[in-house]
Amino acid sequence: MELFVLRMIGPWQLMLLFVVFGIPFLMAILILKNKRLEATEKLVWIFVAFLLPILGSLLYLFIGNRKNKK
């Protein structure tokens, strides 16, 4: 049964799974490693990255990652 399910997943489905789960997970790692953000800001960015996988990740890369040092 398990082998049958794995055969049903094609390359497009794998790419979609990566976009929906992989990219936000990688973004969460980057967000947590960012020492310039406070804890609440990190939590908000992680929430945005998982809620909107592509748009949230792009927003963090272009907007959230540029916060000036205090």
N, C-alpha and C. Protein backbone atom coordinates (compact mmCIF):
# COMPACT_ATOMS: atom_id res chain seq x y z
N MET A 1 0.82 -1.20 0.00
CA MET A 1 0.00 0.00 0.00
C MET A 1 0.87 1.27 0.00
N GLU A 2 1.90 1.31 0.84
CA GLU A 2 2.76 2.49 0.91
C GLU A 2 3.47 2.74 -0.41
N LEU A 3 3.94 1.69 -1.05
CA LEU A 3 4.64 1.82 -2.31
C LEU A 3 3.70 2.35 -3.38
N PHE A 4 2.45 1.95 -3.34
CA PHE A 4 1.46 2.42 -4.30
C PHE A 4 1.23 3.92 -4.15
N VAL A 5 1.18 4.39 -2.94
CA VAL A 5 0.97 5.82 -2.69
C VAL A 5 2.17 6.62 -3.18
N LEU A 6 3.37 6.13 -2.95
CA LEU A 6 4.57 6.84 -3.40
C LEU A 6 4.64 6.89 -4.92
N ARG A 7 4.14 5.89 -5.61
CA ARG A 7 4.15 5.90 -7.07
C ARG A 7 3.16 6.91 -7.63
N MET A 8 2.17 7.27 -6.85
CA MET A 8 1.15 8.21 -7.32
C MET A 8 1.63 9.65 -7.26
N ILE A 9 2.71 9.92 -6.54
CA ILE A 9 3.22 11.28 -6.41
C ILE A 9 4.18 11.54 -7.57
N GLY A 10 3.86 12.54 -8.36
CA GLY A 10 4.69 12.90 -9.50
C GLY A 10 5.61 14.06 -9.17
N PRO A 11 6.38 14.48 -10.17
CA PRO A 11 7.34 15.57 -9.93
C PRO A 11 6.66 16.89 -9.58
N TRP A 12 5.49 17.18 -10.16
CA TRP A 12 4.80 18.43 -9.86
C TRP A 12 4.28 18.43 -8.43
N GLN A 13 3.82 17.27 -7.98
CA GLN A 13 3.34 17.19 -6.61
C GLN A 13 4.49 17.35 -5.62
N LEU A 14 5.65 16.80 -5.95
CA LEU A 14 6.81 16.95 -5.08
C LEU A 14 7.26 18.41 -5.01
N MET A 15 7.22 19.10 -6.15
CA MET A 15 7.59 20.52 -6.14
C MET A 15 6.60 21.32 -5.32
N LEU A 16 5.32 21.01 -5.42
CA LEU A 16 4.30 21.71 -4.64
C LEU A 16 4.49 21.45 -3.15
N LEU A 17 4.82 20.21 -2.79
CA LEU A 17 5.09 19.90 -1.38
C LEU A 17 6.29 20.68 -0.87
N PHE A 18 7.32 20.81 -1.70
CA PHE A 18 8.50 21.57 -1.29
C PHE A 18 8.15 23.04 -1.09
N VAL A 19 7.35 23.60 -2.01
CA VAL A 19 6.99 25.01 -1.90
C VAL A 19 6.14 25.25 -0.65
N VAL A 20 5.21 24.34 -0.38
CA VAL A 20 4.28 24.54 0.74
C VAL A 20 4.94 24.27 2.09
N PHE A 21 5.83 23.28 2.14
CA PHE A 21 6.42 22.91 3.44
C PHE A 21 7.92 23.20 3.54
N GLY A 22 8.66 23.01 2.47
CA GLY A 22 10.11 23.16 2.51
C GLY A 22 10.58 24.59 2.63
N ILE A 23 10.05 25.45 1.79
CA ILE A 23 10.48 26.85 1.80
C ILE A 23 10.15 27.54 3.13
N PRO A 24 8.93 27.40 3.65
CA PRO A 24 8.67 28.03 4.96
C PRO A 24 9.55 27.47 6.08
N PHE A 25 9.87 26.17 6.02
CA PHE A 25 10.74 25.58 7.03
C PHE A 25 12.14 26.20 6.95
N LEU A 26 12.66 26.35 5.74
CA LEU A 26 13.97 26.99 5.57
C LEU A 26 13.94 28.45 6.00
N MET A 27 12.85 29.13 5.70
CA MET A 27 12.70 30.52 6.13
C MET A 27 12.65 30.61 7.65
N ALA A 28 11.98 29.66 8.30
CA ALA A 28 11.91 29.66 9.77
C ALA A 28 13.31 29.54 10.36
N ILE A 29 14.15 28.71 9.75
CA ILE A 29 15.52 28.57 10.24
C ILE A 29 16.28 29.89 10.08
N LEU A 30 16.14 30.54 8.91
CA LEU A 30 16.80 31.83 8.71
C LEU A 30 16.29 32.89 9.68
N ILE A 31 14.99 32.90 9.90
CA ILE A 31 14.40 33.89 10.82
C ILE A 31 14.90 33.67 12.24
N LEU A 32 14.95 32.42 12.67
CA LEU A 32 15.40 32.14 14.04
C LEU A 32 16.88 32.45 14.24
N LYS A 33 17.68 32.35 13.18
CA LYS A 33 19.11 32.66 13.28
C LYS A 33 19.39 34.16 13.24
N ASN A 34 18.42 34.95 12.81
CA ASN A 34 18.61 36.40 12.71
C ASN A 34 18.66 37.00 14.12
N LYS A 35 19.81 37.54 14.49
CA LYS A 35 20.00 38.08 15.84
C LYS A 35 19.49 39.52 15.97
N ARG A 36 19.18 40.16 14.84
CA ARG A 36 18.70 41.54 14.88
C ARG A 36 17.22 41.64 15.19
N LEU A 37 16.48 40.54 15.07
CA LEU A 37 15.04 40.58 15.34
C LEU A 37 14.75 40.18 16.78
N GLU A 38 13.72 40.82 17.34
CA GLU A 38 13.27 40.45 18.67
C GLU A 38 12.41 39.20 18.57
N ALA A 39 12.11 38.59 19.71
CA ALA A 39 11.35 37.33 19.72
C ALA A 39 9.97 37.48 19.11
N THR A 40 9.29 38.57 19.40
CA THR A 40 7.94 38.75 18.84
C THR A 40 7.99 38.95 17.33
N GLU A 41 9.01 39.66 16.87
CA GLU A 41 9.16 39.86 15.42
C GLU A 41 9.45 38.53 14.73
N LYS A 42 10.27 37.70 15.34
CA LYS A 42 10.55 36.38 14.77
C LYS A 42 9.29 35.55 14.68
N LEU A 43 8.49 35.58 15.72
CA LEU A 43 7.24 34.82 15.74
C LEU A 43 6.29 35.29 14.64
N VAL A 44 6.19 36.59 14.46
CA VAL A 44 5.31 37.13 13.41
C VAL A 44 5.82 36.73 12.03
N TRP A 45 7.14 36.84 11.79
CA TRP A 45 7.68 36.48 10.48
C TRP A 45 7.52 34.99 10.19
N ILE A 46 7.69 34.15 11.19
CA ILE A 46 7.49 32.71 10.98
C ILE A 46 6.03 32.43 10.66
N PHE A 47 5.13 33.09 11.35
CA PHE A 47 3.70 32.93 11.08
C PHE A 47 3.38 33.35 9.64
N VAL A 48 3.92 34.48 9.21
CA VAL A 48 3.68 34.95 7.84
C VAL A 48 4.29 33.98 6.83
N ALA A 49 5.47 33.47 7.10
CA ALA A 49 6.12 32.54 6.17
C ALA A 49 5.33 31.25 6.01
N PHE A 50 4.70 30.77 7.08
CA PHE A 50 3.92 29.54 6.98
C PHE A 50 2.51 29.80 6.46
N LEU A 51 1.96 30.97 6.74
CA LEU A 51 0.62 31.28 6.28
C LEU A 51 0.62 31.54 4.77
N LEU A 52 1.60 32.27 4.29
CA LEU A 52 1.74 32.58 2.86
C LEU A 52 3.12 32.10 2.42
N PRO A 53 3.26 30.84 2.04
CA PRO A 53 4.59 30.27 1.82
C PRO A 53 5.48 31.04 0.84
N ILE A 54 5.00 31.38 -0.33
CA ILE A 54 5.85 32.06 -1.31
C ILE A 54 5.94 33.55 -0.99
N LEU A 55 4.80 34.19 -0.85
CA LEU A 55 4.78 35.63 -0.61
C LEU A 55 5.42 35.99 0.73
N GLY A 56 5.11 35.23 1.76
CA GLY A 56 5.68 35.50 3.07
C GLY A 56 7.19 35.36 3.10
N SER A 57 7.69 34.34 2.41
CA SER A 57 9.14 34.14 2.35
C SER A 57 9.82 35.26 1.59
N LEU A 58 9.22 35.67 0.48
CA LEU A 58 9.80 36.77 -0.29
C LEU A 58 9.75 38.08 0.49
N LEU A 59 8.65 38.31 1.19
CA LEU A 59 8.55 39.53 2.00
C LEU A 59 9.64 39.56 3.06
N TYR A 60 9.89 38.43 3.71
CA TYR A 60 10.94 38.42 4.73
C TYR A 60 12.31 38.68 4.10
N LEU A 61 12.57 38.04 2.97
CA LEU A 61 13.89 38.21 2.35
C LEU A 61 14.14 39.65 1.92
N PHE A 62 13.09 40.34 1.42
CA PHE A 62 13.29 41.69 0.92
C PHE A 62 13.02 42.79 1.94
N ILE A 63 12.16 42.53 2.92
CA ILE A 63 11.79 43.57 3.89
C ILE A 63 12.32 43.26 5.29
N GLY A 64 12.02 42.08 5.80
CA GLY A 64 12.33 41.76 7.19
C GLY A 64 13.79 41.54 7.48
N ASN A 65 14.55 41.15 6.50
CA ASN A 65 15.95 40.86 6.70
C ASN A 65 16.80 42.13 6.72
N ARG A 66 16.23 43.26 6.36
CA ARG A 66 17.00 44.52 6.25
C ARG A 66 16.88 45.42 7.46
N LYS A 67 16.35 44.90 8.53
CA LYS A 67 16.20 45.75 9.72
C LYS A 67 17.56 46.22 10.20
N ASN A 68 17.68 47.50 10.47
CA ASN A 68 18.97 48.08 10.92
C ASN A 68 19.31 47.62 12.33
N LYS A 69 20.61 47.57 12.59
CA LYS A 69 21.06 47.23 13.93
C LYS A 69 20.75 48.36 14.89
N LYS A 70 20.41 47.99 16.11
CA LYS A 70 20.08 49.01 17.12
C LYS A 70 21.31 49.46 17.84
